[in-house]
């Protein structure tokens, strides 16, 4: 496995840990339970799908798992933006998480463009 893939896997893992710790700090109110649950699911799905891609049985499967990881990153950004704009949570921490989400999405998007542009011979 290439160095970049290893770095992406590790970065997604570290991001999941940050989201888990952030979610644990959310207030104990119904609105936060719902958004926190959705955020946890989407954010941890990024890394899980990157791991699944590495075990893919074909190039098509590999691409599909990366596509799901990208969708999960986009969904994570949505939930973080809702928490930032619709609640009283500390925006500095959310903005840092949003920035990492955007970076992961850019890496996944660029990887997908490269994978899809390579022709089979």
PDB file of N, CA and C in Angstrom:
ATOM      1  N   UNK A   1       0.839  -1.180   0.000  1.00  0.00           N
ATOM      2  CA  UNK A   1       0.000   0.000   0.000  1.00  0.00           C
ATOM      3  C   UNK A   1       0.882   1.241   0.000  1.00  0.00           C
ATOM      4  N   UNK A   2       0.473   2.231  -0.744  1.00  0.00           N
ATOM      5  CA  UNK A   2       1.262   3.440  -0.861  1.00  0.00           C
ATOM      6  C   UNK A   2       1.264   4.292   0.400  1.00  0.00           C
ATOM      7  N   UNK A   3       2.269   5.133   0.472  1.00  0.00           N
ATOM      8  CA  UNK A   3       2.426   6.014   1.627  1.00  0.00           C
ATOM      9  C   UNK A   3       1.210   6.927   1.801  1.00  0.00           C
ATOM     10  N   UNK A   4       0.707   7.481   0.692  1.00  0.00           N
ATOM     11  CA  UNK A   4      -0.440   8.382   0.777  1.00  0.00           C
ATOM     12  C   UNK A   4      -1.689   7.690   1.304  1.00  0.00           C
ATOM     13  N   UNK A   5      -1.887   6.437   0.887  1.00  0.00           N
ATOM     14  CA  UNK A   5      -3.045   5.681   1.380  1.00  0.00           C
ATOM     15  C   UNK A   5      -2.923   5.418   2.877  1.00  0.00           C
ATOM     16  N   UNK A   6      -1.719   5.101   3.316  1.00  0.00           N
ATOM     17  CA  UNK A   6      -1.487   4.884   4.754  1.00  0.00           C
ATOM     18  C   UNK A   6      -1.742   6.175   5.546  1.00  0.00           C
ATOM     19  N   UNK A   7      -1.263   7.293   5.005  1.00  0.00           N
ATOM     20  CA  UNK A   7      -1.467   8.579   5.672  1.00  0.00           C
ATOM     21  C   UNK A   7      -2.945   8.942   5.735  1.00  0.00           C
ATOM     22  N   UNK A   8      -3.673   8.680   4.650  1.00  0.00           N
ATOM     23  CA  UNK A   8      -5.105   8.966   4.633  1.00  0.00           C
ATOM     24  C   UNK A   8      -5.832   8.106   5.655  1.00  0.00           C
ATOM     25  N   UNK A   9      -5.475   6.840   5.710  1.00  0.00           N
ATOM     26  CA  UNK A   9      -6.094   5.924   6.671  1.00  0.00           C
ATOM     27  C   UNK A   9      -5.852   6.410   8.106  1.00  0.00           C
ATOM     28  N   UNK A  10      -4.620   6.784   8.397  1.00  0.00           N
ATOM     29  CA  UNK A  10      -4.266   7.256   9.742  1.00  0.00           C
ATOM     30  C   UNK A  10      -4.965   8.580  10.057  1.00  0.00           C
ATOM     31  N   UNK A  11      -5.002   9.471   9.091  1.00  0.00           N
ATOM     32  CA  UNK A  11      -5.638  10.780   9.293  1.00  0.00           C
ATOM     33  C   UNK A  11      -7.137  10.617   9.553  1.00  0.00           C
ATOM     34  N   UNK A  12      -7.794   9.734   8.811  1.00  0.00           N
ATOM     35  CA  UNK A  12      -9.220   9.468   9.021  1.00  0.00           C
ATOM     36  C   UNK A  12      -9.453   8.842  10.397  1.00  0.00           C
ATOM     37  N   UNK A  13      -8.537   7.981  10.824  1.00  0.00           N
ATOM     38  CA  UNK A  13      -8.644   7.359  12.147  1.00  0.00           C
ATOM     39  C   UNK A  13      -8.533   8.418  13.253  1.00  0.00           C
ATOM     40  N   UNK A  14      -7.535   9.283  13.135  1.00  0.00           N
ATOM     41  CA  UNK A  14      -7.356  10.359  14.123  1.00  0.00           C
ATOM     42  C   UNK A  14      -8.571  11.286  14.138  1.00  0.00           C
ATOM     43  N   UNK A  15      -9.124  11.560  12.959  1.00  0.00           N
ATOM     44  CA  UNK A  15     -10.308  12.397  12.869  1.00  0.00           C
ATOM     45  C   UNK A  15     -11.483  11.736  13.599  1.00  0.00           C
ATOM     46  N   UNK A  16     -11.651  10.442  13.437  1.00  0.00           N
ATOM     47  CA  UNK A  16     -12.718   9.717  14.140  1.00  0.00           C
ATOM     48  C   UNK A  16     -12.564   9.858  15.649  1.00  0.00           C
ATOM     49  N   UNK A  17     -11.344   9.748  16.127  1.00  0.00           N
ATOM     50  CA  UNK A  17     -11.085   9.895  17.566  1.00  0.00           C
ATOM     51  C   UNK A  17     -11.479  11.302  18.028  1.00  0.00           C
ATOM     52  N   UNK A  18     -11.120  12.322  17.256  1.00  0.00           N
ATOM     53  CA  UNK A  18     -11.484  13.702  17.610  1.00  0.00           C
ATOM     54  C   UNK A  18     -13.000  13.872  17.665  1.00  0.00           C
ATOM     55  N   UNK A  19     -13.705  13.281  16.716  1.00  0.00           N
ATOM     56  CA  UNK A  19     -15.166  13.381  16.685  1.00  0.00           C
ATOM     57  C   UNK A  19     -15.784  12.655  17.874  1.00  0.00           C
ATOM     58  N   UNK A  20     -15.249  11.499  18.216  1.00  0.00           N
ATOM     59  CA  UNK A  20     -15.748  10.751  19.377  1.00  0.00           C
ATOM     60  C   UNK A  20     -15.593  11.600  20.640  1.00  0.00           C
ATOM     61  N   UNK A  21     -14.417  12.188  20.813  1.00  0.00           N
ATOM     62  CA  UNK A  21     -14.176  13.017  22.000  1.00  0.00           C
ATOM     63  C   UNK A  21     -15.048  14.271  21.988  1.00  0.00           C
ATOM     64  N   UNK A  22     -15.203  14.893  20.815  1.00  0.00           N
ATOM     65  CA  UNK A  22     -16.061  16.069  20.706  1.00  0.00           C
ATOM     66  C   UNK A  22     -17.509  15.708  21.040  1.00  0.00           C
ATOM     67  N   UNK A  23     -17.991  14.609  20.504  1.00  0.00           N
ATOM     68  CA  UNK A  23     -19.376  14.190  20.738  1.00  0.00           C
ATOM     69  C   UNK A  23     -19.648  13.930  22.214  1.00  0.00           C
ATOM     70  N   UNK A  24     -18.638  13.440  22.909  1.00  0.00           N
ATOM     71  CA  UNK A  24     -18.788  13.166  24.338  1.00  0.00           C
ATOM     72  C   UNK A  24     -18.970  14.449  25.157  1.00  0.00           C
ATOM     73  N   UNK A  25     -18.605  15.589  24.589  1.00  0.00           N
ATOM     74  CA  UNK A  25     -18.727  16.859  25.308  1.00  0.00           C
ATOM     75  C   UNK A  25     -20.049  17.578  25.029  1.00  0.00           C
ATOM     76  N   UNK A  26     -20.842  17.049  24.103  1.00  0.00           N
ATOM     77  CA  UNK A  26     -22.103  17.713  23.779  1.00  0.00           C
ATOM     78  C   UNK A  26     -23.063  17.659  24.965  1.00  0.00           C
ATOM     79  N   UNK A  27     -23.874  18.700  25.144  1.00  0.00           N
ATOM     80  CA  UNK A  27     -24.827  18.720  26.264  1.00  0.00           C
ATOM     81  C   UNK A  27     -25.797  17.539  26.211  1.00  0.00           C
ATOM     82  N   UNK A  28     -26.291  17.166  27.357  1.00  0.00           N
ATOM     83  CA  UNK A  28     -27.214  16.031  27.482  1.00  0.00           C
ATOM     84  C   UNK A  28     -28.645  16.505  27.227  1.00  0.00           C
ATOM     85  N   UNK A  29     -28.895  16.872  25.975  1.00  0.00           N
ATOM     86  CA  UNK A  29     -30.232  17.309  25.556  1.00  0.00           C
ATOM     87  C   UNK A  29     -30.581  16.586  24.263  1.00  0.00           C
ATOM     88  N   UNK A  30     -31.882  16.381  24.040  1.00  0.00           N
ATOM     89  CA  UNK A  30     -32.355  15.582  22.910  1.00  0.00           C
ATOM     90  C   UNK A  30     -31.775  16.048  21.574  1.00  0.00           C
ATOM     91  N   UNK A  31     -31.780  17.339  21.317  1.00  0.00           N
ATOM     92  CA  UNK A  31     -31.297  17.843  20.030  1.00  0.00           C
ATOM     93  C   UNK A  31     -29.839  17.450  19.797  1.00  0.00           C
ATOM     94  N   UNK A  32     -29.041  17.453  20.855  1.00  0.00           N
ATOM     95  CA  UNK A  32     -27.633  17.075  20.730  1.00  0.00           C
ATOM     96  C   UNK A  32     -27.471  15.568  20.581  1.00  0.00           C
ATOM     97  N   UNK A  33     -28.370  14.795  21.180  1.00  0.00           N
ATOM     98  CA  UNK A  33     -28.299  13.342  21.017  1.00  0.00           C
ATOM     99  C   UNK A  33     -28.454  12.982  19.547  1.00  0.00           C
ATOM    100  N   UNK A  34     -29.441  13.611  18.908  1.00  0.00           N
ATOM    101  CA  UNK A  34     -29.744  13.288  17.514  1.00  0.00           C
ATOM    102  C   UNK A  34     -28.606  13.731  16.597  1.00  0.00           C
ATOM    103  N   UNK A  35     -28.198  14.985  16.727  1.00  0.00           N
ATOM    104  CA  UNK A  35     -27.117  15.477  15.863  1.00  0.00           C
ATOM    105  C   UNK A  35     -25.801  14.783  16.179  1.00  0.00           C
ATOM    106  N   UNK A  36     -25.543  14.538  17.451  1.00  0.00           N
ATOM    107  CA  UNK A  36     -24.310  13.851  17.835  1.00  0.00           C
ATOM    108  C   UNK A  36     -24.249  12.439  17.290  1.00  0.00           C
ATOM    109  N   UNK A  37     -25.393  11.744  17.319  1.00  0.00           N
ATOM    110  CA  UNK A  37     -25.455  10.382  16.786  1.00  0.00           C
ATOM    111  C   UNK A  37     -25.181  10.386  15.281  1.00  0.00           C
ATOM    112  N   UNK A  38     -25.816  11.297  14.559  1.00  0.00           N
ATOM    113  CA  UNK A  38     -25.614  11.378  13.116  1.00  0.00           C
ATOM    114  C   UNK A  38     -24.161  11.746  12.788  1.00  0.00           C
ATOM    115  N   UNK A  39     -23.620  12.680  13.549  1.00  0.00           N
ATOM    116  CA  UNK A  39     -22.230  13.091  13.354  1.00  0.00           C
ATOM    117  C   UNK A  39     -21.279  11.921  13.588  1.00  0.00           C
ATOM    118  N   UNK A  40     -21.489  11.188  14.670  1.00  0.00           N
ATOM    119  CA  UNK A  40     -20.633  10.025  14.959  1.00  0.00           C
ATOM    120  C   UNK A  40     -20.699   9.000  13.836  1.00  0.00           C
ATOM    121  N   UNK A  41     -21.891   8.732  13.352  1.00  0.00           N
ATOM    122  CA  UNK A  41     -22.058   7.730  12.302  1.00  0.00           C
ATOM    123  C   UNK A  41     -21.344   8.145  11.014  1.00  0.00           C
ATOM    124  N   UNK A  42     -21.583   9.391  10.596  1.00  0.00           N
ATOM    125  CA  UNK A  42     -20.993   9.820   9.325  1.00  0.00           C
ATOM    126  C   UNK A  42     -19.477   9.977   9.430  1.00  0.00           C
ATOM    127  N   UNK A  43     -19.000  10.548  10.522  1.00  0.00           N
ATOM    128  CA  UNK A  43     -17.559  10.806  10.660  1.00  0.00           C
ATOM    129  C   UNK A  43     -16.754   9.515  10.770  1.00  0.00           C
ATOM    130  N   UNK A  44     -17.245   8.565  11.530  1.00  0.00           N
ATOM    131  CA  UNK A  44     -16.505   7.311  11.675  1.00  0.00           C
ATOM    132  C   UNK A  44     -16.626   6.446  10.422  1.00  0.00           C
ATOM    133  N   UNK A  45     -17.651   6.694   9.625  1.00  0.00           N
ATOM    134  CA  UNK A  45     -17.825   5.971   8.368  1.00  0.00           C
ATOM    135  C   UNK A  45     -16.732   6.317   7.351  1.00  0.00           C
ATOM    136  N   UNK A  46     -16.175   7.510   7.448  1.00  0.00           N
ATOM    137  CA  UNK A  46     -15.115   7.913   6.513  1.00  0.00           C
ATOM    138  C   UNK A  46     -13.962   6.906   6.589  1.00  0.00           C
ATOM    139  N   UNK A  47     -13.413   6.753   7.773  1.00  0.00           N
ATOM    140  CA  UNK A  47     -12.287   5.842   7.956  1.00  0.00           C
ATOM    141  C   UNK A  47     -12.647   4.388   7.712  1.00  0.00           C
ATOM    142  N   UNK A  48     -13.846   3.999   8.137  1.00  0.00           N
ATOM    143  CA  UNK A  48     -14.270   2.610   7.943  1.00  0.00           C
ATOM    144  C   UNK A  48     -14.316   2.256   6.460  1.00  0.00           C
ATOM    145  N   UNK A  49     -14.776   3.170   5.640  1.00  0.00           N
ATOM    146  CA  UNK A  49     -14.860   2.890   4.209  1.00  0.00           C
ATOM    147  C   UNK A  49     -13.495   2.937   3.530  1.00  0.00           C
ATOM    148  N   UNK A  50     -12.591   3.739   4.058  1.00  0.00           N
ATOM    149  CA  UNK A  50     -11.218   3.730   3.540  1.00  0.00           C
ATOM    150  C   UNK A  50     -10.574   2.368   3.820  1.00  0.00           C
ATOM    151  N   UNK A  51     -10.805   1.843   5.016  1.00  0.00           N
ATOM    152  CA  UNK A  51     -10.292   0.517   5.377  1.00  0.00           C
ATOM    153  C   UNK A  51     -10.917  -0.557   4.472  1.00  0.00           C
ATOM    154  N   UNK A  52     -12.221  -0.466   4.268  1.00  0.00           N
ATOM    155  CA  UNK A  52     -12.903  -1.429   3.399  1.00  0.00           C
ATOM    156  C   UNK A  52     -12.352  -1.381   1.976  1.00  0.00           C
ATOM    157  N   UNK A  53     -12.026  -0.186   1.506  1.00  0.00           N
ATOM    158  CA  UNK A  53     -11.478  -0.050   0.149  1.00  0.00           C
ATOM    159  C   UNK A  53     -10.192  -0.851   0.007  1.00  0.00           C
ATOM    160  N   UNK A  54      -9.397  -0.882   1.042  1.00  0.00           N
ATOM    161  CA  UNK A  54      -8.128  -1.594   0.974  1.00  0.00           C
ATOM    162  C   UNK A  54      -8.306  -3.102   0.837  1.00  0.00           C
ATOM    163  N   UNK A  55      -9.472  -3.583   1.259  1.00  0.00           N
ATOM    164  CA  UNK A  55      -9.753  -5.013   1.143  1.00  0.00           C
ATOM    165  C   UNK A  55     -10.669  -5.312  -0.042  1.00  0.00           C
ATOM    166  N   UNK A  56     -10.863  -4.328  -0.884  1.00  0.00           N
ATOM    167  CA  UNK A  56     -11.777  -4.486  -2.019  1.00  0.00           C
ATOM    168  C   UNK A  56     -11.307  -5.600  -2.956  1.00  0.00           C
ATOM    169  N   UNK A  57     -12.272  -6.278  -3.547  1.00  0.00           N
ATOM    170  CA  UNK A  57     -11.951  -7.389  -4.436  1.00  0.00           C
ATOM    171  C   UNK A  57     -11.716  -6.940  -5.876  1.00  0.00           C
ATOM    172  N   UNK A  58     -12.026  -5.693  -6.164  1.00  0.00           N
ATOM    173  CA  UNK A  58     -11.812  -5.184  -7.518  1.00  0.00           C
ATOM    174  C   UNK A  58     -11.585  -3.673  -7.476  1.00  0.00           C
ATOM    175  N   UNK A  59     -11.122  -3.151  -8.585  1.00  0.00           N
ATOM    176  CA  UNK A  59     -10.931  -1.701  -8.704  1.00  0.00           C
ATOM    177  C   UNK A  59     -12.271  -0.975  -8.548  1.00  0.00           C
ATOM    178  N   UNK A  60     -13.313  -1.555  -9.128  1.00  0.00           N
ATOM    179  CA  UNK A  60     -14.655  -0.978  -9.040  1.00  0.00           C
ATOM    180  C   UNK A  60     -15.102  -0.893  -7.578  1.00  0.00           C
ATOM    181  N   UNK A  61     -14.885  -1.953  -6.808  1.00  0.00           N
ATOM    182  CA  UNK A  61     -15.227  -1.941  -5.381  1.00  0.00           C
ATOM    183  C   UNK A  61     -14.412  -0.896  -4.630  1.00  0.00           C
ATOM    184  N   UNK A  62     -13.130  -0.828  -4.943  1.00  0.00           N
ATOM    185  CA  UNK A  62     -12.259   0.156  -4.297  1.00  0.00           C
ATOM    186  C   UNK A  62     -12.817   1.560  -4.514  1.00  0.00           C
ATOM    187  N   UNK A  63     -13.153   1.874  -5.744  1.00  0.00           N
ATOM    188  CA  UNK A  63     -13.700   3.198  -6.063  1.00  0.00           C
ATOM    189  C   UNK A  63     -15.002   3.423  -5.318  1.00  0.00           C
ATOM    190  N   UNK A  64     -15.844   2.419  -5.286  1.00  0.00           N
ATOM    191  CA  UNK A  64     -17.145   2.547  -4.595  1.00  0.00           C
ATOM    192  C   UNK A  64     -16.950   2.870  -3.118  1.00  0.00           C
ATOM    193  N   UNK A  65     -16.017   2.218  -2.444  1.00  0.00           N
ATOM    194  CA  UNK A  65     -15.783   2.511  -1.024  1.00  0.00           C
ATOM    195  C   UNK A  65     -15.259   3.932  -0.829  1.00  0.00           C
ATOM    196  N   UNK A  66     -14.405   4.387  -1.731  1.00  0.00           N
ATOM    197  CA  UNK A  66     -13.932   5.776  -1.654  1.00  0.00           C
ATOM    198  C   UNK A  66     -15.073   6.763  -1.896  1.00  0.00           C
ATOM    199  N   UNK A  67     -15.982   6.404  -2.799  1.00  0.00           N
ATOM    200  CA  UNK A  67     -17.146   7.272  -3.029  1.00  0.00           C
ATOM    201  C   UNK A  67     -18.013   7.371  -1.778  1.00  0.00           C
ATOM    202  N   UNK A  68     -18.192   6.267  -1.095  1.00  0.00           N
ATOM    203  CA  UNK A  68     -18.978   6.276   0.142  1.00  0.00           C
ATOM    204  C   UNK A  68     -18.258   7.093   1.212  1.00  0.00           C
ATOM    205  N   UNK A  69     -16.943   6.955   1.302  1.00  0.00           N
ATOM    206  CA  UNK A  69     -16.167   7.743   2.267  1.00  0.00           C
ATOM    207  C   UNK A  69     -16.325   9.234   1.981  1.00  0.00           C
ATOM    208  N   UNK A  70     -16.298   9.619   0.714  1.00  0.00           N
ATOM    209  CA  UNK A  70     -16.479  11.025   0.348  1.00  0.00           C
ATOM    210  C   UNK A  70     -17.876  11.512   0.724  1.00  0.00           C
ATOM    211  N   UNK A  71     -18.884  10.710   0.462  1.00  0.00           N
ATOM    212  CA  UNK A  71     -20.253  11.078   0.852  1.00  0.00           C
ATOM    213  C   UNK A  71     -20.355  11.234   2.364  1.00  0.00           C
ATOM    214  N   UNK A  72     -19.706  10.367   3.093  1.00  0.00           N
ATOM    215  CA  UNK A  72     -19.710  10.461   4.551  1.00  0.00           C
ATOM    216  C   UNK A  72     -19.017  11.735   5.027  1.00  0.00           C
ATOM    217  N   UNK A  73     -17.936  12.119   4.356  1.00  0.00           N
ATOM    218  CA  UNK A  73     -17.244  13.369   4.702  1.00  0.00           C
ATOM    219  C   UNK A  73     -18.164  14.563   4.453  1.00  0.00           C
ATOM    220  N   UNK A  74     -18.875  14.538   3.320  1.00  0.00           N
ATOM    221  CA  UNK A  74     -19.805  15.630   3.034  1.00  0.00           C
ATOM    222  C   UNK A  74     -20.920  15.694   4.068  1.00  0.00           C
ATOM    223  N   UNK A  75     -21.440  14.541   4.466  1.00  0.00           N
ATOM    224  CA  UNK A  75     -22.484  14.510   5.486  1.00  0.00           C
ATOM    225  C   UNK A  75     -21.945  14.998   6.829  1.00  0.00           C
ATOM    226  N   UNK A  76     -20.732  14.621   7.154  1.00  0.00           N
ATOM    227  CA  UNK A  76     -20.107  15.077   8.400  1.00  0.00           C
ATOM    228  C   UNK A  76     -20.019  16.595   8.420  1.00  0.00           C
ATOM    229  N   UNK A  77     -19.625  17.186   7.315  1.00  0.00           N
ATOM    230  CA  UNK A  77     -19.570  18.640   7.208  1.00  0.00           C
ATOM    231  C   UNK A  77     -20.924  19.271   7.460  1.00  0.00           C
ATOM    232  N   UNK A  78     -21.974  18.645   6.963  1.00  0.00           N
ATOM    233  CA  UNK A  78     -23.333  19.144   7.170  1.00  0.00           C
ATOM    234  C   UNK A  78     -23.695  19.173   8.659  1.00  0.00           C
ATOM    235  N   UNK A  79     -23.451  18.058   9.348  1.00  0.00           N
ATOM    236  CA  UNK A  79     -23.800  17.993  10.773  1.00  0.00           C
ATOM    237  C   UNK A  79     -22.965  18.969  11.598  1.00  0.00           C
ATOM    238  N   UNK A  80     -21.698  19.099  11.267  1.00  0.00           N
ATOM    239  CA  UNK A  80     -20.854  20.065  11.983  1.00  0.00           C
ATOM    240  C   UNK A  80     -21.336  21.496  11.752  1.00  0.00           C
ATOM    241  N   UNK A  81     -21.720  21.806  10.514  1.00  0.00           N
ATOM    242  CA  UNK A  81     -22.224  23.154  10.217  1.00  0.00           C
ATOM    243  C   UNK A  81     -23.524  23.427  10.971  1.00  0.00           C
ATOM    244  N   UNK A  82     -24.387  22.427  11.066  1.00  0.00           N
ATOM    245  CA  UNK A  82     -25.623  22.596  11.845  1.00  0.00           C
ATOM    246  C   UNK A  82     -25.320  22.867  13.313  1.00  0.00           C
ATOM    247  N   UNK A  83     -24.384  22.123  13.856  1.00  0.00           N
ATOM    248  CA  UNK A  83     -24.006  22.347  15.254  1.00  0.00           C
ATOM    249  C   UNK A  83     -23.406  23.736  15.443  1.00  0.00           C
ATOM    250  N   UNK A  84     -22.599  24.166  14.490  1.00  0.00           N
ATOM    251  CA  UNK A  84     -21.976  25.483  14.567  1.00  0.00           C
ATOM    252  C   UNK A  84     -23.020  26.601  14.485  1.00  0.00           C
ATOM    253  N   UNK A  85     -23.919  26.481  13.526  1.00  0.00           N
ATOM    254  CA  UNK A  85     -24.847  27.574  13.244  1.00  0.00           C
ATOM    255  C   UNK A  85     -26.144  27.513  14.038  1.00  0.00           C
ATOM    256  N   UNK A  86     -26.488  26.327  14.531  1.00  0.00           N
ATOM    257  CA  UNK A  86     -27.783  26.187  15.184  1.00  0.00           C
ATOM    258  C   UNK A  86     -27.743  25.973  16.680  1.00  0.00           C
ATOM    259  N   UNK A  87     -26.537  25.986  17.254  1.00  0.00           N
ATOM    260  CA  UNK A  87     -26.422  25.735  18.699  1.00  0.00           C
ATOM    261  C   UNK A  87     -25.434  26.724  19.310  1.00  0.00           C
ATOM    262  N   UNK A  88     -25.227  26.563  20.578  1.00  0.00           N
ATOM    263  CA  UNK A  88     -24.300  27.433  21.310  1.00  0.00           C
ATOM    264  C   UNK A  88     -22.946  26.768  21.556  1.00  0.00           C
ATOM    265  N   UNK A  89     -22.651  25.720  20.804  1.00  0.00           N
ATOM    266  CA  UNK A  89     -21.383  25.006  20.954  1.00  0.00           C
ATOM    267  C   UNK A  89     -20.226  25.910  20.503  1.00  0.00           C
ATOM    268  N   UNK A  90     -19.053  25.688  21.098  1.00  0.00           N
ATOM    269  CA  UNK A  90     -17.848  26.458  20.780  1.00  0.00           C
ATOM    270  C   UNK A  90     -17.510  26.353  19.294  1.00  0.00           C
ATOM    271  N   UNK A  91     -17.609  27.470  18.594  1.00  0.00           N
ATOM    272  CA  UNK A  91     -17.368  27.478  17.148  1.00  0.00           C
ATOM    273  C   UNK A  91     -15.919  27.203  16.781  1.00  0.00           C
ATOM    274  N   UNK A  92     -14.969  27.553  17.635  1.00  0.00           N
ATOM    275  CA  UNK A  92     -13.560  27.313  17.306  1.00  0.00           C
ATOM    276  C   UNK A  92     -13.289  25.826  17.105  1.00  0.00           C
ATOM    277  N   UNK A  93     -13.772  25.021  18.023  1.00  0.00           N
ATOM    278  CA  UNK A  93     -13.556  23.581  17.908  1.00  0.00           C
ATOM    279  C   UNK A  93     -14.278  23.013  16.686  1.00  0.00           C
ATOM    280  N   UNK A  94     -15.517  23.450  16.473  1.00  0.00           N
ATOM    281  CA  UNK A  94     -16.267  22.969  15.317  1.00  0.00           C
ATOM    282  C   UNK A  94     -15.579  23.385  14.015  1.00  0.00           C
ATOM    283  N   UNK A  95     -15.095  24.615  13.957  1.00  0.00           N
ATOM    284  CA  UNK A  95     -14.419  25.082  12.740  1.00  0.00           C
ATOM    285  C   UNK A  95     -13.161  24.277  12.456  1.00  0.00           C
ATOM    286  N   UNK A  96     -12.438  23.871  13.491  1.00  0.00           N
ATOM    287  CA  UNK A  96     -11.256  23.018  13.291  1.00  0.00           C
ATOM    288  C   UNK A  96     -11.671  21.651  12.728  1.00  0.00           C
ATOM    289  N   UNK A  97     -12.755  21.100  13.279  1.00  0.00           N
ATOM    290  CA  UNK A  97     -13.255  19.816  12.783  1.00  0.00           C
ATOM    291  C   UNK A  97     -13.771  19.950  11.347  1.00  0.00           C
ATOM    292  N   UNK A  98     -14.435  21.056  11.063  1.00  0.00           N
ATOM    293  CA  UNK A  98     -14.913  21.308   9.701  1.00  0.00           C
ATOM    294  C   UNK A  98     -13.754  21.405   8.711  1.00  0.00           C
ATOM    295  N   UNK A  99     -12.694  22.051   9.115  1.00  0.00           N
ATOM    296  CA  UNK A  99     -11.531  22.182   8.234  1.00  0.00           C
ATOM    297  C   UNK A  99     -10.926  20.817   7.935  1.00  0.00           C
ATOM    298  N   UNK A 100     -10.812  19.982   8.945  1.00  0.00           N
ATOM    299  CA  UNK A 100     -10.274  18.637   8.724  1.00  0.00           C
ATOM    300  C   UNK A 100     -11.223  17.831   7.831  1.00  0.00           C
ATOM    301  N   UNK A 101     -12.521  18.009   8.021  1.00  0.00           N
ATOM    302  CA  UNK A 101     -13.503  17.331   7.172  1.00  0.00           C
ATOM    303  C   UNK A 101     -13.309  17.742   5.714  1.00  0.00           C
ATOM    304  N   UNK A 102     -13.140  19.032   5.478  1.00  0.00           N
ATOM    305  CA  UNK A 102     -12.934  19.537   4.116  1.00  0.00           C
ATOM    306  C   UNK A 102     -11.655  18.969   3.511  1.00  0.00           C
ATOM    307  N   UNK A 103     -10.599  18.888   4.316  1.00  0.00           N
ATOM    308  CA  UNK A 103      -9.334  18.351   3.805  1.00  0.00           C
ATOM    309  C   UNK A 103      -9.467  16.875   3.433  1.00  0.00           C
ATOM    310  N   UNK A 104     -10.132  16.104   4.285  1.00  0.00           N
ATOM    311  CA  UNK A 104     -10.349  14.689   3.973  1.00  0.00           C
ATOM    312  C   UNK A 104     -11.170  14.548   2.692  1.00  0.00           C
ATOM    313  N   UNK A 105     -12.203  15.373   2.555  1.00  0.00           N
ATOM    314  CA  UNK A 105     -13.050  15.324   1.359  1.00  0.00           C
ATOM    315  C   UNK A 105     -12.243  15.676   0.113  1.00  0.00           C
ATOM    316  N   UNK A 106     -11.359  16.664   0.217  1.00  0.00           N
ATOM    317  CA  UNK A 106     -10.529  17.045  -0.939  1.00  0.00           C
ATOM    318  C   UNK A 106      -9.601  15.908  -1.343  1.00  0.00           C
ATOM    319  N   UNK A 107      -9.005  15.258  -0.371  1.00  0.00           N
ATOM    320  CA  UNK A 107      -8.100  14.138  -0.659  1.00  0.00           C
ATOM    321  C   UNK A 107      -8.870  13.001  -1.323  1.00  0.00           C
ATOM    322  N   UNK A 108     -10.023  12.676  -0.758  1.00  0.00           N
ATOM    323  CA  UNK A 108     -10.837  11.603  -1.336  1.00  0.00           C
ATOM    324  C   UNK A 108     -11.303  11.963  -2.740  1.00  0.00           C
ATOM    325  N   UNK A 109     -11.740  13.201  -2.920  1.00  0.00           N
ATOM    326  CA  UNK A 109     -12.193  13.645  -4.239  1.00  0.00           C
ATOM    327  C   UNK A 109     -11.087  13.590  -5.271  1.00  0.00           C
ATOM    328  N   UNK A 110      -9.899  14.057  -4.891  1.00  0.00           N
ATOM    329  CA  UNK A 110      -8.756  14.020  -5.807  1.00  0.00           C
ATOM    330  C   UNK A 110      -8.371  12.573  -6.132  1.00  0.00           C
ATOM    331  N   UNK A 111      -8.410  11.716  -5.132  1.00  0.00           N
ATOM    332  CA  UNK A 111      -8.097  10.295  -5.356  1.00  0.00           C
ATOM    333  C   UNK A 111      -9.098   9.668  -6.321  1.00  0.00           C
ATOM    334  N   UNK A 112     -10.365   9.996  -6.140  1.00  0.00           N
ATOM    335  CA  UNK A 112     -11.390   9.450  -7.025  1.00  0.00           C
ATOM    336  C   UNK A 112     -11.212   9.940  -8.466  1.00  0.00           C
ATOM    337  N   UNK A 113     -10.880  11.204  -8.623  1.00  0.00           N
ATOM    338  CA  UNK A 113     -10.645  11.728  -9.974  1.00  0.00           C
ATOM    339  C   UNK A 113      -9.486  10.994 -10.642  1.00  0.00           C
ATOM    340  N   UNK A 114      -8.434  10.761  -9.884  1.00  0.00           N
ATOM    341  CA  UNK A 114      -7.279  10.038 -10.417  1.00  0.00           C
ATOM    342  C   UNK A 114      -7.660   8.598 -10.766  1.00  0.00           C
ATOM    343  N   UNK A 115      -8.351   7.942  -9.853  1.00  0.00           N
ATOM    344  CA  UNK A 115      -8.738   6.546 -10.083  1.00  0.00           C
ATOM    345  C   UNK A 115      -9.650   6.407 -11.297  1.00  0.00           C
ATOM    346  N   UNK A 116     -10.569   7.328 -11.437  1.00  0.00           N
ATOM    347  CA  UNK A 116     -11.529   7.237 -12.543  1.00  0.00           C
ATOM    348  C   UNK A 116     -10.925   7.647 -13.878  1.00  0.00           C
ATOM    349  N   UNK A 117      -9.856   8.431 -13.834  1.00  0.00           N
ATOM    350  CA  UNK A 117      -9.252   8.876 -15.094  1.00  0.00           C
ATOM    351  C   UNK A 117      -8.263   7.861 -15.657  1.00  0.00           C
ATOM    352  N   UNK A 118      -7.784   6.954 -14.835  1.00  0.00           N
ATOM    353  CA  UNK A 118      -6.855   5.931 -15.305  1.00  0.00           C
ATOM    354  C   UNK A 118      -7.617   4.910 -16.142  1.00  0.00           C
ATOM    355  N   UNK A 119      -7.107   4.662 -17.308  1.00  0.00           N
ATOM    356  CA  UNK A 119      -7.761   3.715 -18.208  1.00  0.00           C
ATOM    357  C   UNK A 119      -7.157   2.331 -18.034  1.00  0.00           C
ATOM    358  N   UNK A 120      -8.014   1.357 -18.215  1.00  0.00           N
ATOM    359  CA  UNK A 120      -7.547  -0.025 -18.189  1.00  0.00           C
ATOM    360  C   UNK A 120      -6.978  -0.385 -19.567  1.00  0.00           C
ATOM    361  N   UNK A 121      -5.870  -1.067 -19.571  1.00  0.00           N
ATOM    362  CA  UNK A 121      -5.253  -1.500 -20.837  1.00  0.00           C
ATOM    363  C   UNK A 121      -5.315  -2.999 -20.956  1.00  0.00           C
TER     364      UNK A 121
END
